[in-house]
């Protein structure tokens, strides 16, 4: 992940080198070579995704592919919300990496101290899923797209909810292979510690409009952004709402900056008429 960016972009190389130095361990080696079991650990995966996203944006800017120098809007799913704030100048890259690394460390701890699980529910309305969550004391963690919702909570309760969902006629509901119950009450210890960590860090107003997962709406005040980042650790990710919100605000094209094409797929599932482009490696940047 990110190897071709570093091979062809001086700006991307500089960010990976800075990240290695700031973290005190070789993020680039794990990103490029794995092993996957190490890369997918929360405390490693979060910095890796953040640096990769920022490196893609840096490579696009270096290649002169970002119209007028800046996008008009920014939004990111879960960890990606921090990347969107950094890209909008709410804080510098080094500060963003510190924030991401601490978030990942705290969430890793929360995962190790609890027995959490998550499940995907496909093809159901929000109200029906929220009723299931109330009945089994779990949370709706992600509203990713119409008919694609992720639930989260204690593993035994999520497992019971999956069985009950099938009994209630939910045609596609399945457990996910995850390390913990992200965006649920089981992340409360991480939320509390993350709030204390963020408190002294200065935030600036964003240079362009950004959206928060916590409400699906635009957010601008530095104090409100900080509060949203803290709340997001335990709250639902309203990703579909974010995408619809930016569309009604005037976005004409969506660019996904990250590995794979999951977000592009979610955008197309939400509204087929949206123009969506995906960037994951340097070849995509060069072809832009």
Protein backbone atom coordinates (compact mmCIF):
# COMPACT_ATOMS: atom_id res chain seq x y z
CA UNK A 1 0.00 0.00 0.00
CA UNK A 2 1.59 3.25 -1.17
CA UNK A 3 4.73 1.76 -2.71
CA UNK A 4 4.15 3.20 -6.20
CA UNK A 5 3.37 6.61 -4.69
CA UNK A 6 6.78 6.71 -3.02
CA UNK A 7 8.52 5.44 -6.15
CA UNK A 8 7.11 8.23 -8.34
CA UNK A 9 6.24 11.16 -6.07
CA UNK A 10 8.75 13.19 -4.07
CA UNK A 11 5.92 14.67 -2.01
CA UNK A 12 4.64 11.21 -1.05
CA UNK A 13 8.17 10.03 -0.19
CA UNK A 14 8.64 13.02 2.08
CA UNK A 15 5.41 12.26 3.99
CA UNK A 16 6.30 8.59 4.49
CA UNK A 17 9.80 9.55 5.66
CA UNK A 18 8.34 12.08 8.10
CA UNK A 19 5.85 9.51 9.35
CA UNK A 20 8.58 6.93 9.99
CA UNK A 21 10.53 9.50 11.97
CA UNK A 22 7.55 10.74 14.00
CA UNK A 23 6.24 7.26 14.82
CA UNK A 24 9.61 5.78 15.67
CA UNK A 25 8.91 2.66 13.61
CA UNK A 26 8.96 1.87 9.88
CA UNK A 27 5.41 2.50 8.67
CA UNK A 28 6.49 2.45 5.03
CA UNK A 29 7.97 -1.06 5.31
CA UNK A 30 4.81 -2.48 6.90
CA UNK A 31 2.62 -0.65 4.37
CA UNK A 32 4.64 -1.85 1.38
CA UNK A 33 5.59 -5.37 2.50
CA UNK A 34 3.29 -6.36 5.35
CA UNK A 35 2.74 -8.82 6.86
CA UNK A 36 -0.99 -8.24 6.56
CA UNK A 37 -1.56 -9.49 10.10
CA UNK A 38 0.55 -6.59 11.39
CA UNK A 39 -0.77 -3.98 8.96
CA UNK A 40 -4.39 -4.69 9.91
CA UNK A 41 -3.82 -4.14 13.65
CA UNK A 42 -5.81 -1.05 14.64
CA UNK A 43 -2.78 0.79 16.05
CA UNK A 44 -0.92 0.25 12.74
CA UNK A 45 -3.78 0.38 10.25
CA UNK A 46 -5.01 3.82 11.32
CA UNK A 47 -1.66 5.62 10.79
CA UNK A 48 -1.17 3.67 7.56
CA UNK A 49 -4.52 4.79 6.15
CA UNK A 50 -3.95 8.40 7.23
CA UNK A 51 -0.49 8.63 5.67
CA UNK A 52 -1.62 6.89 2.48
CA UNK A 53 -4.54 9.29 2.06
CA UNK A 54 -2.38 12.36 2.65
CA UNK A 55 0.29 10.97 0.30
CA UNK A 56 -2.29 10.53 -2.47
CA UNK A 57 -3.45 14.13 -2.05
CA UNK A 58 0.17 15.34 -2.03
CA UNK A 59 0.90 13.40 -5.23
CA UNK A 60 -2.20 14.82 -6.92
CA UNK A 61 -1.19 18.35 -5.94
CA UNK A 62 2.39 17.74 -7.08
CA UNK A 63 1.11 16.54 -10.45
CA UNK A 64 -1.16 19.59 -10.79
CA UNK A 65 -4.30 17.44 -10.81
CA UNK A 66 -6.26 19.20 -8.05
CA UNK A 67 -8.40 21.92 -9.68
CA UNK A 68 -7.61 25.45 -8.39
CA UNK A 69 -5.24 23.95 -5.83
CA UNK A 70 -7.88 22.72 -3.36
CA UNK A 71 -11.03 20.58 -3.36
CA UNK A 72 -14.25 22.37 -2.42
CA UNK A 73 -15.37 19.78 0.12
CA UNK A 74 -13.85 17.05 2.26
CA UNK A 75 -15.30 14.04 4.04
CA UNK A 76 -13.90 10.79 5.37
CA UNK A 77 -15.33 7.59 6.78
CA UNK A 78 -14.38 7.00 10.43
CA UNK A 79 -10.58 7.39 10.57
CA UNK A 80 -10.79 9.19 7.22
CA UNK A 81 -12.56 12.10 8.91
CA UNK A 82 -9.21 13.01 10.51
CA UNK A 83 -7.56 12.85 7.08
CA UNK A 84 -10.19 15.24 5.69
CA UNK A 85 -9.56 17.74 8.50
CA UNK A 86 -5.82 17.57 7.95
CA UNK A 87 -6.23 18.07 4.20
CA UNK A 88 -8.33 21.16 4.98
CA UNK A 89 -5.63 22.64 7.22
CA UNK A 90 -7.33 22.12 10.59
CA UNK A 91 -3.94 20.84 11.78
CA UNK A 92 -0.59 20.02 10.19
CA UNK A 93 0.43 16.56 8.98
CA UNK A 94 2.62 15.88 12.02
CA UNK A 95 -0.19 16.78 14.41
CA UNK A 96 -2.66 14.71 12.42
CA UNK A 97 -0.37 11.70 12.60
CA UNK A 98 0.01 12.11 16.37
CA UNK A 99 -3.78 12.24 16.69
CA UNK A 100 -4.29 9.18 14.50
CA UNK A 101 -1.59 7.16 16.26
CA UNK A 102 -3.08 7.89 19.69
CA UNK A 103 -6.60 7.13 18.47
CA UNK A 104 -5.41 3.80 17.08
CA UNK A 105 -3.50 2.95 20.27
CA UNK A 106 -6.47 3.72 22.50
CA UNK A 107 -8.92 1.81 20.33
CA UNK A 108 -6.53 -1.16 20.21
CA UNK A 109 -6.48 -1.15 24.01
CA UNK A 110 -10.27 -1.01 24.14
CA UNK A 111 -10.48 -3.95 21.74
CA UNK A 112 -8.10 -6.03 23.85
CA UNK A 113 -9.99 -5.31 27.08
CA UNK A 114 -13.43 -6.20 25.71
CA UNK A 115 -15.07 -8.97 23.71
CA UNK A 116 -16.65 -7.06 20.85
CA UNK A 117 -18.08 -7.94 17.48
CA UNK A 118 -19.74 -6.41 14.46
CA UNK A 119 -22.18 -7.56 11.80
CA UNK A 120 -23.32 -6.32 8.41
CA UNK A 121 -27.00 -6.05 7.55
CA UNK A 122 -27.82 -5.68 3.85
CA UNK A 123 -31.09 -4.65 2.28
CA UNK A 124 -32.96 -3.45 5.38
CA UNK A 125 -34.37 -0.06 6.37
CA UNK A 126 -32.79 1.94 9.19
CA UNK A 127 -35.81 1.72 11.46
CA UNK A 128 -35.86 -2.07 11.37
CA UNK A 129 -32.14 -2.30 12.13
CA UNK A 130 -32.41 0.24 14.95
CA UNK A 131 -35.23 -1.81 16.49
CA UNK A 132 -32.99 -4.89 16.42
CA UNK A 133 -30.20 -2.88 18.07
CA UNK A 134 -32.50 -1.71 20.87
CA UNK A 135 -33.74 -5.24 21.51
CA UNK A 136 -30.20 -6.62 21.89
CA UNK A 137 -28.46 -3.59 23.45
CA UNK A 138 -26.04 -3.05 20.58
CA UNK A 139 -25.37 -0.03 18.34
CA UNK A 140 -25.77 0.82 14.68
CA UNK A 141 -22.13 1.64 13.99
CA UNK A 142 -22.22 2.60 10.30
CA UNK A 143 -24.92 3.77 7.93
CA UNK A 144 -22.77 3.29 4.84
CA UNK A 145 -25.31 3.45 2.00
CA UNK A 146 -28.98 2.66 1.42
CA UNK A 147 -29.50 -0.86 2.70
CA UNK A 148 -25.95 -1.27 4.04
CA UNK A 149 -25.72 -0.92 7.81
CA UNK A 150 -23.12 -2.22 10.28
CA UNK A 151 -24.01 -3.04 13.89
CA UNK A 152 -21.57 -3.27 16.80
CA UNK A 153 -21.42 -4.32 20.45
CA UNK A 154 -20.63 -7.17 22.80
CA UNK A 155 -19.84 -10.23 20.71
CA UNK A 156 -22.43 -12.45 22.38
CA UNK A 157 -25.13 -9.83 21.86
CA UNK A 158 -24.17 -9.24 18.23
CA UNK A 159 -24.23 -13.00 17.60
CA UNK A 160 -27.68 -13.23 19.19
CA UNK A 161 -28.87 -10.27 17.12
CA UNK A 162 -27.69 -11.95 13.92
CA UNK A 163 -29.67 -15.09 14.75
CA UNK A 164 -32.74 -13.03 15.66
CA UNK A 165 -32.40 -10.94 12.51
CA UNK A 166 -32.58 -14.07 10.39
CA UNK A 167 -35.66 -15.19 12.31
CA UNK A 168 -37.21 -11.77 11.62
CA UNK A 169 -36.78 -12.21 7.90
CA UNK A 170 -33.56 -10.26 7.34
CA UNK A 171 -32.24 -11.97 4.23
CA UNK A 172 -28.59 -10.92 4.48
CA UNK A 173 -27.07 -10.48 7.93
CA UNK A 174 -23.61 -11.75 8.78
CA UNK A 175 -20.89 -11.51 11.41
CA UNK A 176 -17.73 -9.62 10.42
CA UNK A 177 -14.16 -10.64 11.15
CA UNK A 178 -13.06 -7.62 13.20
CA UNK A 179 -10.86 -7.00 16.23
CA UNK A 180 -13.50 -5.24 18.29
CA UNK A 181 -16.76 -3.32 18.54
CA UNK A 182 -15.91 -0.03 16.85
CA UNK A 183 -18.30 2.93 17.17
CA UNK A 184 -20.10 1.36 20.11
CA UNK A 185 -20.27 1.85 23.88
CA UNK A 186 -17.37 -0.61 24.24
CA UNK A 187 -15.09 2.16 22.91
CA UNK A 188 -16.00 4.48 25.81
CA UNK A 189 -12.60 4.11 27.56
CA UNK A 190 -10.92 5.13 24.30
CA UNK A 191 -13.28 8.09 23.91
CA UNK A 192 -12.55 9.42 27.41
CA UNK A 193 -8.77 9.16 27.01
CA UNK A 194 -8.90 10.57 23.47
CA UNK A 195 -10.79 13.63 24.72
CA UNK A 196 -8.06 14.33 27.26
CA UNK A 197 -5.37 13.88 24.60
CA UNK A 198 -7.03 16.26 22.12
CA UNK A 199 -7.87 18.95 24.66
CA UNK A 200 -4.57 20.94 24.52
CA UNK A 201 -4.05 20.54 20.75
CA UNK A 202 -4.91 23.71 18.77
CA UNK A 203 -7.31 23.31 15.83
CA UNK A 204 -7.81 25.88 13.06
CA UNK A 205 -10.89 26.60 10.94
CA UNK A 206 -10.91 24.46 7.78
CA UNK A 207 -9.89 26.05 4.47
CA UNK A 208 -12.77 24.31 2.70
CA UNK A 209 -16.06 22.76 3.77
CA UNK A 210 -15.75 19.49 5.69
CA UNK A 211 -18.43 17.12 6.94
CA UNK A 212 -18.57 15.14 10.17
CA UNK A 213 -19.67 11.52 10.52
CA UNK A 214 -21.51 12.34 13.74
CA UNK A 215 -24.24 14.40 12.05
CA UNK A 216 -23.68 14.06 8.31
CA UNK A 217 -23.51 17.85 8.13
CA UNK A 218 -20.85 20.46 7.45
CA UNK A 219 -18.77 21.56 10.43
CA UNK A 220 -16.44 24.54 10.75
CA UNK A 221 -15.80 25.77 14.30
CA UNK A 222 -12.53 24.32 15.66
CA UNK A 223 -14.09 23.49 19.03
CA UNK A 224 -16.99 21.71 17.32
CA UNK A 225 -14.58 19.70 15.14
CA UNK A 226 -12.65 18.57 18.22
CA UNK A 227 -15.87 17.60 19.98
CA UNK A 228 -17.05 15.67 16.91
CA UNK A 229 -13.79 13.71 16.69
CA UNK A 230 -14.16 12.66 20.32
CA UNK A 231 -17.84 11.72 19.97
CA UNK A 232 -17.19 9.84 16.73
CA UNK A 233 -15.24 7.13 18.61
CA UNK A 234 -18.49 5.82 20.12
CA UNK A 235 -21.17 7.23 17.78
CA UNK A 236 -22.69 6.01 14.54
CA UNK A 237 -20.85 6.87 11.32
CA UNK A 238 -23.48 8.59 9.18
CA UNK A 239 -21.60 8.09 5.93
CA UNK A 240 -24.64 8.01 3.64
CA UNK A 241 -25.76 11.29 5.22
CA UNK A 242 -22.33 12.82 4.64
CA UNK A 243 -22.38 11.89 0.95
CA UNK A 244 -25.91 13.21 0.47
CA UNK A 245 -25.04 16.34 2.41
CA UNK A 246 -22.07 17.22 0.23
CA UNK A 247 -24.15 16.51 -2.87
CA UNK A 248 -26.87 18.98 -1.87
CA UNK A 249 -24.18 21.56 -1.02
CA UNK A 250 -22.93 21.55 -4.59
CA UNK A 251 -20.37 18.79 -5.12
CA UNK A 252 -20.17 17.70 -8.75
CA UNK A 253 -17.59 14.93 -8.50
CA UNK A 254 -16.43 12.53 -5.78
CA UNK A 255 -12.75 11.51 -5.54
CA UNK A 256 -11.85 8.56 -3.35
CA UNK A 257 -8.28 8.77 -2.02
CA UNK A 258 -7.45 5.45 -0.42
CA UNK A 259 -6.69 1.76 -0.99
CA UNK A 260 -9.30 -0.15 -2.95
CA UNK A 261 -12.63 1.24 -4.06
CA UNK A 262 -15.03 0.66 -1.17
CA UNK A 263 -16.09 4.30 -0.83
CA UNK A 264 -16.60 4.64 -4.57
CA UNK A 265 -18.87 1.63 -4.43
CA UNK A 266 -20.86 3.12 -1.56
CA UNK A 267 -21.27 6.37 -3.49
CA UNK A 268 -22.57 4.55 -6.57
CA UNK A 269 -24.91 2.49 -4.40
CA UNK A 270 -26.27 5.71 -2.89
CA UNK A 271 -26.76 7.59 -6.17
CA UNK A 272 -25.83 6.11 -9.55
CA UNK A 273 -25.78 9.50 -11.26
CA UNK A 274 -22.88 10.83 -9.16
CA UNK A 275 -19.54 11.11 -10.93
CA UNK A 276 -17.06 9.06 -8.89
CA UNK A 277 -13.30 8.61 -9.40
CA UNK A 278 -10.96 6.40 -7.42
CA UNK A 279 -7.28 6.99 -6.65
CA UNK A 280 -5.26 4.32 -4.86
CA UNK A 281 -1.76 4.35 -6.38
CA UNK A 282 0.42 6.55 -8.56
CA UNK A 283 -0.88 5.05 -11.80
CA UNK A 284 -4.32 6.43 -10.91
CA UNK A 285 -2.82 9.84 -10.19
CA UNK A 286 -0.95 9.88 -13.49
CA UNK A 287 -4.09 8.92 -15.39
CA UNK A 288 -6.22 11.65 -13.79
